[in-house]
Amino acid sequence: GAPLWKDYQNFGPERFQYLQVQYQFPSFSYS
């Protein structure tokens, strides 16, 4: 669902804005 990142070797803050925490439970994984 996030826009694909194609700017090679650019690690600016805009690259990280779509990242989310992962949560893992015995019956479900939000990954």
Full PDB file with SEQRES, HELIX, SHEET, SSBOND, CRYST1, ORIGX, SCALE, CONECT and MASTER records, all heavy atoms in Angstrom:
SEQRES   1 A   31  GLY ALA PRO LEU TRP LYS ASP TYR GLN ASN PHE GLY PRO          
SEQRES   2 A   31  GLU ARG PHE GLN TYR LEU GLN VAL GLN TYR GLN PHE PRO          
SEQRES   3 A   31  SER PHE SER TYR SER                                          
HELIX    1 AA1 PRO A   13  ARG A   15  5                                   3    
SHEET    1 AA1 2 TYR A  23  GLN A  24  0                                        
SHEET    2 AA1 2 SER A  29  TYR A  30 -1                                        
CRYST1    1.000    1.000    1.000  90.00  90.00  90.00 P 1           1          
ORIGX1      1.000000  0.000000  0.000000        0.00000                         
ORIGX2      0.000000  1.000000  0.000000        0.00000                         
ORIGX3      0.000000  0.000000  1.000000        0.00000                         
SCALE1      1.000000  0.000000  0.000000        0.00000                         
SCALE2      0.000000  1.000000  0.000000        0.00000                         
SCALE3      0.000000  0.000000  1.000000        0.00000                         
ATOM      1  N   GLY A   1       0.781  -1.226   0.000  1.00  0.00           N  
ATOM      2  CA  GLY A   1       0.000   0.000   0.000  1.00  0.00           C  
ATOM      3  C   GLY A   1       0.809   1.270   0.000  1.00  0.00           C  
ATOM      4  O   GLY A   1       0.268   2.342  -0.294  1.00  0.00           O  
ATOM      5  N   ALA A   2       2.095   1.205   0.303  1.00  0.00           N  
ATOM      6  CA  ALA A   2       2.946   2.398   0.301  1.00  0.00           C  
ATOM      7  C   ALA A   2       3.518   2.631  -1.093  1.00  0.00           C  
ATOM      8  O   ALA A   2       3.736   1.676  -1.838  1.00  0.00           O  
ATOM      9  CB  ALA A   2       4.086   2.241   1.309  1.00  0.00           C  
ATOM     10  N   PRO A   3       3.748   3.888  -1.483  1.00  0.00           N  
ATOM     11  CA  PRO A   3       4.386   4.139  -2.776  1.00  0.00           C  
ATOM     12  C   PRO A   3       5.766   3.498  -2.815  1.00  0.00           C  
ATOM     13  O   PRO A   3       6.540   3.574  -1.848  1.00  0.00           O  
ATOM     14  CB  PRO A   3       4.486   5.675  -2.828  1.00  0.00           C  
ATOM     15  CG  PRO A   3       3.482   6.168  -1.835  1.00  0.00           C  
ATOM     16  CD  PRO A   3       3.415   5.126  -0.756  1.00  0.00           C  
ATOM     17  N   LEU A   4       6.078   2.827  -3.931  1.00  0.00           N  
ATOM     18  CA  LEU A   4       7.374   2.176  -4.052  1.00  0.00           C  
ATOM     19  C   LEU A   4       8.485   3.217  -4.093  1.00  0.00           C  
ATOM     20  O   LEU A   4       8.374   4.251  -4.746  1.00  0.00           O  
ATOM     21  CB  LEU A   4       7.413   1.311  -5.304  1.00  0.00           C  
ATOM     22  CG  LEU A   4       6.572   0.037  -5.258  1.00  0.00           C  
ATOM     23  CD1 LEU A   4       6.642  -0.693  -6.586  1.00  0.00           C  
ATOM     24  CD2 LEU A   4       7.010  -0.877  -4.125  1.00  0.00           C  
ATOM     25  N   TRP A   5       9.558   2.922  -3.413  1.00  0.00           N  
ATOM     26  CA  TRP A   5      10.701   3.837  -3.332  1.00  0.00           C  
ATOM     27  C   TRP A   5      11.697   3.461  -4.422  1.00  0.00           C  
ATOM     28  O   TRP A   5      12.207   2.341  -4.453  1.00  0.00           O  
ATOM     29  CB  TRP A   5      11.348   3.750  -1.952  1.00  0.00           C  
ATOM     30  CG  TRP A   5      12.425   4.768  -1.745  1.00  0.00           C  
ATOM     31  CD1 TRP A   5      13.764   4.596  -1.903  1.00  0.00           C  
ATOM     32  CD2 TRP A   5      12.250   6.129  -1.355  1.00  0.00           C  
ATOM     33  NE1 TRP A   5      14.436   5.753  -1.632  1.00  0.00           N  
ATOM     34  CE2 TRP A   5      13.527   6.716  -1.282  1.00  0.00           C  
ATOM     35  CE3 TRP A   5      11.126   6.898  -1.041  1.00  0.00           C  
ATOM     36  CZ2 TRP A   5      13.716   8.047  -0.927  1.00  0.00           C  
ATOM     37  CZ3 TRP A   5      11.321   8.219  -0.682  1.00  0.00           C  
ATOM     38  CH2 TRP A   5      12.599   8.781  -0.623  1.00  0.00           C  
ATOM     39  N   LYS A   6      12.030   4.392  -5.329  1.00  0.00           N  
ATOM     40  CA  LYS A   6      12.935   4.122  -6.438  1.00  0.00           C  
ATOM     41  C   LYS A   6      14.172   5.009  -6.440  1.00  0.00           C  
ATOM     42  O   LYS A   6      14.998   4.908  -7.341  1.00  0.00           O  
ATOM     43  CB  LYS A   6      12.195   4.296  -7.770  1.00  0.00           C  
ATOM     44  CG  LYS A   6      11.013   3.346  -7.937  1.00  0.00           C  
ATOM     45  CD  LYS A   6      10.348   3.513  -9.284  1.00  0.00           C  
ATOM     46  CE  LYS A   6       9.184   2.576  -9.443  1.00  0.00           C  
ATOM     47  NZ  LYS A   6       8.513   2.715 -10.777  1.00  0.00           N  
ATOM     48  N   ASP A   7      14.298   5.867  -5.416  1.00  0.00           N  
ATOM     49  CA  ASP A   7      15.438   6.785  -5.348  1.00  0.00           C  
ATOM     50  C   ASP A   7      16.613   6.060  -4.698  1.00  0.00           C  
ATOM     51  O   ASP A   7      16.770   6.048  -3.484  1.00  0.00           O  
ATOM     52  CB  ASP A   7      15.054   8.027  -4.546  1.00  0.00           C  
ATOM     53  CG  ASP A   7      16.079   9.147  -4.719  1.00  0.00           C  
ATOM     54  OD1 ASP A   7      17.107   8.921  -5.385  1.00  0.00           O  
ATOM     55  OD2 ASP A   7      15.848  10.245  -4.175  1.00  0.00           O  
ATOM     56  N   TYR A   8      17.422   5.463  -5.539  1.00  0.00           N  
ATOM     57  CA  TYR A   8      18.520   4.605  -5.080  1.00  0.00           C  
ATOM     58  C   TYR A   8      19.512   5.380  -4.213  1.00  0.00           C  
ATOM     59  O   TYR A   8      19.930   6.475  -4.556  1.00  0.00           O  
ATOM     60  CB  TYR A   8      19.218   4.015  -6.311  1.00  0.00           C  
ATOM     61  CG  TYR A   8      20.379   3.107  -6.029  1.00  0.00           C  
ATOM     62  CD1 TYR A   8      20.201   1.941  -5.284  1.00  0.00           C  
ATOM     63  CD2 TYR A   8      21.643   3.396  -6.513  1.00  0.00           C  
ATOM     64  CE1 TYR A   8      21.270   1.097  -5.042  1.00  0.00           C  
ATOM     65  CE2 TYR A   8      22.710   2.559  -6.270  1.00  0.00           C  
ATOM     66  CZ  TYR A   8      22.514   1.409  -5.526  1.00  0.00           C  
ATOM     67  OH  TYR A   8      23.579   0.581  -5.278  1.00  0.00           O  
ATOM     68  N   GLN A   9      19.857   4.787  -3.071  1.00  0.00           N  
ATOM     69  CA  GLN A   9      20.837   5.309  -2.118  1.00  0.00           C  
ATOM     70  C   GLN A   9      20.382   6.606  -1.434  1.00  0.00           C  
ATOM     71  O   GLN A   9      21.199   7.336  -0.886  1.00  0.00           O  
ATOM     72  CB  GLN A   9      22.214   5.513  -2.777  1.00  0.00           C  
ATOM     73  CG  GLN A   9      22.859   4.225  -3.256  1.00  0.00           C  
ATOM     74  CD  GLN A   9      24.283   4.412  -3.727  1.00  0.00           C  
ATOM     75  OE1 GLN A   9      24.862   5.493  -3.611  1.00  0.00           O  
ATOM     76  NE2 GLN A   9      24.867   3.372  -4.284  1.00  0.00           N  
ATOM     77  N   ASN A  10      19.115   6.896  -1.447  1.00  0.00           N  
ATOM     78  CA  ASN A  10      18.582   8.041  -0.720  1.00  0.00           C  
ATOM     79  C   ASN A  10      17.882   7.518   0.539  1.00  0.00           C  
ATOM     80  O   ASN A  10      16.845   6.861   0.462  1.00  0.00           O  
ATOM     81  CB  ASN A  10      17.603   8.817  -1.591  1.00  0.00           C  
ATOM     82  CG  ASN A  10      17.044  10.047  -0.874  1.00  0.00           C  
ATOM     83  OD1 ASN A  10      17.252  10.242   0.316  1.00  0.00           O  
ATOM     84  ND2 ASN A  10      16.343  10.875  -1.616  1.00  0.00           N  
ATOM     85  N   PHE A  11      18.462   7.825   1.700  1.00  0.00           N  
ATOM     86  CA  PHE A  11      17.912   7.352   2.968  1.00  0.00           C  
ATOM     87  C   PHE A  11      17.383   8.529   3.794  1.00  0.00           C  
ATOM     88  O   PHE A  11      17.526   8.572   5.012  1.00  0.00           O  
ATOM     89  CB  PHE A  11      18.970   6.591   3.759  1.00  0.00           C  
ATOM     90  CG  PHE A  11      19.415   5.322   3.077  1.00  0.00           C  
ATOM     91  CD1 PHE A  11      20.587   5.293   2.343  1.00  0.00           C  
ATOM     92  CD2 PHE A  11      18.660   4.174   3.155  1.00  0.00           C  
ATOM     93  CE1 PHE A  11      21.008   4.140   1.711  1.00  0.00           C  
ATOM     94  CE2 PHE A  11      19.062   3.007   2.532  1.00  0.00           C  
ATOM     95  CZ  PHE A  11      20.244   2.989   1.801  1.00  0.00           C  
ATOM     96  N   GLY A  12      16.764   9.484   3.117  1.00  0.00           N  
ATOM     97  CA  GLY A  12      16.172  10.615   3.807  1.00  0.00           C  
ATOM     98  C   GLY A  12      14.966  10.204   4.628  1.00  0.00           C  
ATOM     99  O   GLY A  12      14.433   9.089   4.500  1.00  0.00           O  
ATOM    100  N   PRO A  13      14.488  11.107   5.502  1.00  0.00           N  
ATOM    101  CA  PRO A  13      13.357  10.753   6.392  1.00  0.00           C  
ATOM    102  C   PRO A  13      12.093  10.396   5.635  1.00  0.00           C  
ATOM    103  O   PRO A  13      11.259   9.642   6.146  1.00  0.00           O  
ATOM    104  CB  PRO A  13      13.180  12.019   7.231  1.00  0.00           C  
ATOM    105  CG  PRO A  13      13.828  13.121   6.444  1.00  0.00           C  
ATOM    106  CD  PRO A  13      14.974  12.479   5.721  1.00  0.00           C  
ATOM    107  N   GLU A  14      11.913  10.910   4.413  1.00  0.00           N  
ATOM    108  CA  GLU A  14      10.708  10.593   3.667  1.00  0.00           C  
ATOM    109  C   GLU A  14      10.652   9.110   3.288  1.00  0.00           C  
ATOM    110  O   GLU A  14       9.576   8.567   3.007  1.00  0.00           O  
ATOM    111  CB  GLU A  14      10.606  11.467   2.418  1.00  0.00           C  
ATOM    112  CG  GLU A  14      11.733  11.294   1.414  1.00  0.00           C  
ATOM    113  CD  GLU A  14      12.963  12.136   1.740  1.00  0.00           C  
ATOM    114  OE1 GLU A  14      13.039  12.686   2.850  1.00  0.00           O  
ATOM    115  OE2 GLU A  14      13.848  12.235   0.862  1.00  0.00           O  
ATOM    116  N   ARG A  15      11.804   8.460   3.287  1.00  0.00           N  
ATOM    117  CA  ARG A  15      11.816   7.039   2.965  1.00  0.00           C  
ATOM    118  C   ARG A  15      11.246   6.196   4.100  1.00  0.00           C  
ATOM    119  O   ARG A  15      10.772   5.075   3.890  1.00  0.00           O  
ATOM    120  CB  ARG A  15      13.242   6.594   2.633  1.00  0.00           C  
ATOM    121  CG  ARG A  15      13.370   5.122   2.220  1.00  0.00           C  
ATOM    122  CD  ARG A  15      14.730   4.832   1.651  1.00  0.00           C  
ATOM    123  NE  ARG A  15      14.882   3.444   1.231  1.00  0.00           N  
ATOM    124  CZ  ARG A  15      15.859   2.984   0.479  1.00  0.00           C  
ATOM    125  NH1 ARG A  15      16.797   3.803   0.052  1.00  0.00           N  
ATOM    126  NH2 ARG A  15      15.930   1.715   0.142  1.00  0.00           N  
ATOM    127  N   PHE A  16      11.279   6.698   5.312  1.00  0.00           N  
ATOM    128  CA  PHE A  16      10.878   5.928   6.478  1.00  0.00           C  
ATOM    129  C   PHE A  16       9.449   6.232   6.946  1.00  0.00           C  
ATOM    130  O   PHE A  16       8.967   5.609   7.881  1.00  0.00           O  
ATOM    131  CB  PHE A  16      11.846   6.207   7.639  1.00  0.00           C  
ATOM    132  CG  PHE A  16      13.248   5.722   7.371  1.00  0.00           C  
ATOM    133  CD1 PHE A  16      14.141   6.494   6.643  1.00  0.00           C  
ATOM    134  CD2 PHE A  16      13.669   4.499   7.842  1.00  0.00           C  
ATOM    135  CE1 PHE A  16      15.429   6.056   6.398  1.00  0.00           C  
ATOM    136  CE2 PHE A  16      14.958   4.037   7.603  1.00  0.00           C  
ATOM    137  CZ  PHE A  16      15.843   4.819   6.881  1.00  0.00           C  
ATOM    138  N   GLN A  17       8.759   7.165   6.303  1.00  0.00           N  
ATOM    139  CA  GLN A  17       7.480   7.612   6.850  1.00  0.00           C  
ATOM    140  C   GLN A  17       6.384   6.558   6.733  1.00  0.00           C  
ATOM    141  O   GLN A  17       5.381   6.633   7.457  1.00  0.00           O  
ATOM    142  CB  GLN A  17       7.050   8.900   6.141  1.00  0.00           C  
ATOM    143  CG  GLN A  17       6.799   8.743   4.636  1.00  0.00           C  
ATOM    144  CD  GLN A  17       6.330  10.024   3.989  1.00  0.00           C  
ATOM    145  OE1 GLN A  17       5.543  10.753   4.577  1.00  0.00           O  
ATOM    146  NE2 GLN A  17       6.814  10.316   2.788  1.00  0.00           N  
ATOM    147  N   TYR A  18       6.546   5.573   5.835  1.00  0.00           N  
ATOM    148  CA  TYR A  18       5.501   4.564   5.672  1.00  0.00           C  
ATOM    149  C   TYR A  18       5.771   3.294   6.479  1.00  0.00           C  
ATOM    150  O   TYR A  18       4.984   2.350   6.414  1.00  0.00           O  
ATOM    151  CB  TYR A  18       5.370   4.194   4.193  1.00  0.00           C  
ATOM    152  CG  TYR A  18       4.858   5.332   3.343  1.00  0.00           C  
ATOM    153  CD1 TYR A  18       5.743   6.111   2.593  1.00  0.00           C  
ATOM    154  CD2 TYR A  18       3.500   5.645   3.288  1.00  0.00           C  
ATOM    155  CE1 TYR A  18       5.284   7.170   1.818  1.00  0.00           C  
ATOM    156  CE2 TYR A  18       3.032   6.689   2.510  1.00  0.00           C  
ATOM    157  CZ  TYR A  18       3.933   7.449   1.778  1.00  0.00           C  
ATOM    158  OH  TYR A  18       3.482   8.490   1.013  1.00  0.00           O  
ATOM    159  N   LEU A  19       6.859   3.264   7.219  1.00  0.00           N  
ATOM    160  CA  LEU A  19       7.178   2.061   7.979  1.00  0.00           C  
ATOM    161  C   LEU A  19       6.278   1.947   9.203  1.00  0.00           C  
ATOM    162  O   LEU A  19       5.846   2.942   9.777  1.00  0.00           O  
ATOM    163  CB  LEU A  19       8.645   2.082   8.403  1.00  0.00           C  
ATOM    164  CG  LEU A  19       9.672   2.172   7.267  1.00  0.00           C  
ATOM    165  CD1 LEU A  19      11.074   2.015   7.811  1.00  0.00           C  
ATOM    166  CD2 LEU A  19       9.392   1.123   6.201  1.00  0.00           C  
ATOM    167  N   GLN A  20       6.007   0.727   9.611  1.00  0.00           N  
ATOM    168  CA  GLN A  20       5.155   0.453  10.762  1.00  0.00           C  
ATOM    169  C   GLN A  20       5.805  -0.600  11.652  1.00  0.00           C  
ATOM    170  O   GLN A  20       6.646  -1.384  11.214  1.00  0.00           O  
ATOM    171  CB  GLN A  20       3.788  -0.054  10.305  1.00  0.00           C  
ATOM    172  CG  GLN A  20       3.018   0.915   9.427  1.00  0.00           C  
ATOM    173  CD  GLN A  20       1.661   0.381   9.074  1.00  0.00           C  
ATOM    174  OE1 GLN A  20       0.897  -0.062   9.940  1.00  0.00           O  
ATOM    175  NE2 GLN A  20       1.329   0.412   7.793  1.00  0.00           N  
ATOM    176  N   VAL A  21       5.372  -0.604  12.909  1.00  0.00           N  
ATOM    177  CA  VAL A  21       5.826  -1.623  13.844  1.00  0.00           C  
ATOM    178  C   VAL A  21       5.165  -2.957  13.488  1.00  0.00           C  
ATOM    179  O   VAL A  21       4.008  -3.001  13.067  1.00  0.00           O  
ATOM    180  CB  VAL A  21       5.475  -1.217  15.290  1.00  0.00           C  
ATOM    181  CG1 VAL A  21       5.947  -2.273  16.284  1.00  0.00           C  
ATOM    182  CG2 VAL A  21       6.091   0.139  15.612  1.00  0.00           C  
ATOM    183  N   GLN A  22       5.892  -4.040  13.669  1.00  0.00           N  
ATOM    184  CA  GLN A  22       5.332  -5.373  13.484  1.00  0.00           C  
ATOM    185  C   GLN A  22       4.857  -5.936  14.827  1.00  0.00           C  
ATOM    186  O   GLN A  22       5.506  -5.723  15.858  1.00  0.00           O  
ATOM    187  CB  GLN A  22       6.375  -6.317  12.882  1.00  0.00           C  
ATOM    188  CG  GLN A  22       6.747  -5.998  11.446  1.00  0.00           C  
ATOM    189  CD  GLN A  22       7.666  -7.058  10.855  1.00  0.00           C  
ATOM    190  OE1 GLN A  22       8.369  -7.764  11.568  1.00  0.00           O  
ATOM    191  NE2 GLN A  22       7.673  -7.165   9.537  1.00  0.00           N  
ATOM    192  N   TYR A  23       3.736  -6.675  14.787  1.00  0.00           N  
ATOM    193  CA  TYR A  23       3.192  -7.307  15.983  1.00  0.00           C  
ATOM    194  C   TYR A  23       2.907  -8.769  15.667  1.00  0.00           C  
ATOM    195  O   TYR A  23       2.274  -9.074  14.650  1.00  0.00           O  
ATOM    196  CB  TYR A  23       1.902  -6.621  16.433  1.00  0.00           C  
ATOM    197  CG  TYR A  23       2.069  -5.164  16.790  1.00  0.00           C  
ATOM    198  CD1 TYR A  23       1.917  -4.171  15.823  1.00  0.00           C  
ATOM    199  CD2 TYR A  23       2.399  -4.771  18.087  1.00  0.00           C  
ATOM    200  CE1 TYR A  23       2.070  -2.835  16.139  1.00  0.00           C  
ATOM    201  CE2 TYR A  23       2.555  -3.436  18.414  1.00  0.00           C  
ATOM    202  CZ  TYR A  23       2.394  -2.470  17.432  1.00  0.00           C  
ATOM    203  OH  TYR A  23       2.554  -1.151  17.752  1.00  0.00           O  
ATOM    204  N   GLN A  24       3.346  -9.639  16.548  1.00  0.00           N  
ATOM    205  CA  GLN A  24       3.151 -11.066  16.346  1.00  0.00           C  
ATOM    206  C   GLN A  24       2.481 -11.672  17.576  1.00  0.00           C  
ATOM    207  O   GLN A  24       2.963 -11.510  18.701  1.00  0.00           O  
ATOM    208  CB  GLN A  24       4.481 -11.765  16.072  1.00  0.00           C  
ATOM    209  CG  GLN A  24       5.134 -11.321  14.775  1.00  0.00           C  
ATOM    210  CD  GLN A  24       6.448 -12.026  14.495  1.00  0.00           C  
ATOM    211  OE1 GLN A  24       6.892 -12.849  15.282  1.00  0.00           O  
ATOM    212  NE2 GLN A  24       7.065 -11.690  13.369  1.00  0.00           N  
ATOM    213  N   PHE A  25       1.346 -12.372  17.324  1.00  0.00           N  
ATOM    214  CA  PHE A  25       0.598 -13.059  18.357  1.00  0.00           C  
ATOM    215  C   PHE A  25       0.519 -14.545  17.997  1.00  0.00           C  
ATOM    216  O   PHE A  25       0.788 -14.914  16.847  1.00  0.00           O  
ATOM    217  CB  PHE A  25      -0.808 -12.469  18.483  1.00  0.00           C  
ATOM    218  CG  PHE A  25      -0.838 -10.970  18.707  1.00  0.00           C  
ATOM    219  CD1 PHE A  25      -0.912 -10.085  17.630  1.00  0.00           C  
ATOM    220  CD2 PHE A  25      -0.770 -10.457  19.992  1.00  0.00           C  
ATOM    221  CE1 PHE A  25      -0.935  -8.718  17.837  1.00  0.00           C  
ATOM    222  CE2 PHE A  25      -0.793  -9.086  20.207  1.00  0.00           C  
ATOM    223  CZ  PHE A  25      -0.866  -8.215  19.132  1.00  0.00           C  
ATOM    224  N   PRO A  26       0.145 -15.388  18.912  1.00  0.00           N  
ATOM    225  CA  PRO A  26       0.066 -16.822  18.585  1.00  0.00           C  
ATOM    226  C   PRO A  26      -0.843 -17.128  17.396  1.00  0.00           C  
ATOM    227  O   PRO A  26      -0.542 -18.026  16.604  1.00  0.00           O  
ATOM    228  CB  PRO A  26      -0.464 -17.453  19.878  1.00  0.00           C  
ATOM    229  CG  PRO A  26       0.021 -16.546  20.957  1.00  0.00           C  
ATOM    230  CD  PRO A  26      -0.059 -15.161  20.364  1.00  0.00           C  
ATOM    231  N   SER A  27      -1.962 -16.391  17.249  1.00  0.00           N  
ATOM    232  CA  SER A  27      -2.921 -16.697  16.183  1.00  0.00           C  
ATOM    233  C   SER A  27      -2.910 -15.695  15.044  1.00  0.00           C  
ATOM    234  O   SER A  27      -3.656 -15.873  14.068  1.00  0.00           O  
ATOM    235  CB  SER A  27      -4.341 -16.775  16.762  1.00  0.00           C  
ATOM    236  OG  SER A  27      -4.424 -17.753  17.774  1.00  0.00           O  
ATOM    237  N   PHE A  28      -2.117 -14.653  15.135  1.00  0.00           N  
ATOM    238  CA  PHE A  28      -2.182 -13.591  14.152  1.00  0.00           C  
ATOM    239  C   PHE A  28      -0.849 -12.860  14.072  1.00  0.00           C  
ATOM    240  O   PHE A  28      -0.149 -12.705  15.082  1.00  0.00           O  
ATOM    241  CB  PHE A  28      -3.297 -12.602  14.512  1.00  0.00           C  
ATOM    242  CG  PHE A  28      -3.398 -11.421  13.594  1.00  0.00           C  
ATOM    243  CD1 PHE A  28      -3.754 -11.577  12.269  1.00  0.00           C  
ATOM    244  CD2 PHE A  28      -3.128 -10.140  14.065  1.00  0.00           C  
ATOM    245  CE1 PHE A  28      -3.846 -10.476  11.418  1.00  0.00           C  
ATOM    246  CE2 PHE A  28      -3.220  -9.045  13.226  1.00  0.00           C  
ATOM    247  CZ  PHE A  28      -3.583  -9.213  11.894  1.00  0.00           C  
ATOM    248  N   SER A  29      -0.525 -12.433  12.849  1.00  0.00           N  
ATOM    249  CA  SER A  29       0.706 -11.661  12.632  1.00  0.00           C  
ATOM    250  C   SER A  29       0.380 -10.438  11.795  1.00  0.00           C  
ATOM    251  O   SER A  29      -0.133 -10.561  10.672  1.00  0.00           O  
ATOM    252  CB  SER A  29       1.757 -12.523  11.925  1.00  0.00           C  
ATOM    253  OG  SER A  29       2.891 -11.756  11.598  1.00  0.00           O  
ATOM    254  N   TYR A  30       0.637  -9.273  12.366  1.00  0.00           N  
ATOM    255  CA  TYR A  30       0.523  -8.027  11.620  1.00  0.00           C  
ATOM    256  C   TYR A  30       1.937  -7.659  11.205  1.00  0.00           C  
ATOM    257  O   TYR A  30       2.725  -7.148  11.986  1.00  0.00           O  
ATOM    258  CB  TYR A  30      -0.100  -6.929  12.477  1.00  0.00           C  
ATOM    259  CG  TYR A  30      -0.253  -5.605  11.762  1.00  0.00           C  
ATOM    260  CD1 TYR A  30      -1.306  -5.396  10.874  1.00  0.00           C  
ATOM    261  CD2 TYR A  30       0.679  -4.589  11.949  1.00  0.00           C  
ATOM    262  CE1 TYR A  30      -1.449  -4.195  10.212  1.00  0.00           C  
ATOM    263  CE2 TYR A  30       0.545  -3.383  11.277  1.00  0.00           C  
ATOM    264  CZ  TYR A  30      -0.508  -3.192  10.405  1.00  0.00           C  
ATOM    265  OH  TYR A  30      -0.633  -1.997   9.735  1.00  0.00           O  
ATOM    266  N   SER A  31       2.271  -7.970   9.944  1.00  0.00           N  
ATOM    267  CA  SER A  31       3.676  -7.934   9.530  1.00  0.00           C  
ATOM    268  C   SER A  31       3.872  -7.199   8.214  1.00  0.00           C  
ATOM    269  O   SER A  31       4.231  -7.796   7.189  1.00  0.00           O  
ATOM    270  CB  SER A  31       4.212  -9.364   9.402  1.00  0.00           C  
ATOM    271  OG  SER A  31       4.043 -10.078  10.584  1.00  0.00           O  
TER     272      SER A  31                                                      
MASTER        0    0    0    1    2    0    0    6  271    1    0    3          
END                                                                             
